[in-house]
């Protein structure tokens, strides 16, 4: 499971609700979850707000790919 999907699950948020909050289609969210590099800077910011992530967590999910 990728780091973003794990955070979504940890917060108890349904993917459909998460996609709506991001302003993207559920099917498009599933594509993006397979490849987090596809998120735009604005989407990354929204993800941080929706999930209440710290800057460190955002960096771990989107920038520090291991």
Protein backbone atom coordinates (compact mmCIF):
# COMPACT_ATOMS: atom_id res chain seq x y z
CA UNK A 1 0.00 0.00 0.00
CA UNK A 2 1.44 3.38 -0.89
CA UNK A 3 1.99 6.06 1.72
CA UNK A 4 -0.87 8.31 0.64
CA UNK A 5 -3.42 5.52 0.59
CA UNK A 6 -2.20 4.43 4.01
CA UNK A 7 -2.76 7.97 5.37
CA UNK A 8 -6.24 8.12 3.85
CA UNK A 9 -7.09 4.80 5.53
CA UNK A 10 -5.54 5.89 8.86
CA UNK A 11 -7.76 8.98 8.89
CA UNK A 12 -10.84 6.83 8.22
CA UNK A 13 -11.67 8.72 5.02
CA UNK A 14 -13.39 6.97 2.13
CA UNK A 15 -11.67 7.37 -1.23
CA UNK A 16 -14.87 8.61 -2.88
CA UNK A 17 -15.21 11.41 -0.30
CA UNK A 18 -11.50 12.20 -0.64
CA UNK A 19 -11.82 12.50 -4.43
CA UNK A 20 -14.81 14.85 -4.03
CA UNK A 21 -12.86 17.06 -1.61
CA UNK A 22 -9.94 17.15 -4.05
CA UNK A 23 -12.30 18.06 -6.87
CA UNK A 24 -11.39 15.09 -9.05
CA UNK A 25 -13.25 12.01 -10.24
CA UNK A 26 -12.98 8.86 -8.16
CA UNK A 27 -11.54 6.95 -11.12
CA UNK A 28 -8.90 9.65 -11.63
CA UNK A 29 -7.98 9.49 -7.94
CA UNK A 30 -7.32 5.76 -8.32
CA UNK A 31 -4.95 6.48 -11.21
CA UNK A 32 -3.14 9.14 -9.18
CA UNK A 33 -2.85 6.84 -6.16
CA UNK A 34 -0.90 4.40 -8.34
CA UNK A 35 1.57 7.17 -9.16
CA UNK A 36 1.69 9.99 -6.55
CA UNK A 37 4.13 11.97 -8.74
CA UNK A 38 1.10 12.85 -10.89
CA UNK A 39 -0.35 15.15 -8.22
CA UNK A 40 -0.02 18.86 -8.98
CA UNK A 41 1.30 21.30 -6.37
CA UNK A 42 -2.24 22.56 -5.75
CA UNK A 43 -3.52 19.01 -5.29
CA UNK A 44 -0.70 18.24 -2.87
CA UNK A 45 -1.66 21.30 -0.85
CA UNK A 46 -5.31 20.18 -0.80
CA UNK A 47 -4.28 16.67 0.25
CA UNK A 48 -2.37 18.18 3.17
CA UNK A 49 -5.39 20.22 4.21
CA UNK A 50 -7.91 17.37 3.86
CA UNK A 51 -5.74 14.92 5.79
CA UNK A 52 -4.33 17.52 8.19
CA UNK A 53 -0.77 16.48 7.33
CA UNK A 54 2.44 18.06 8.55
CA UNK A 55 5.00 19.33 6.06
CA UNK A 56 7.18 16.37 6.98
CA UNK A 57 4.37 13.92 6.15
CA UNK A 58 3.72 15.67 2.82
CA UNK A 59 7.42 15.41 1.96
CA UNK A 60 7.49 11.72 2.86
CA UNK A 61 4.46 10.99 0.66
CA UNK A 62 5.25 13.10 -2.38
CA UNK A 63 8.95 13.96 -2.40
CA UNK A 64 10.96 11.31 -0.63
CA UNK A 65 10.20 8.29 -2.82
CA UNK A 66 11.84 5.10 -1.55
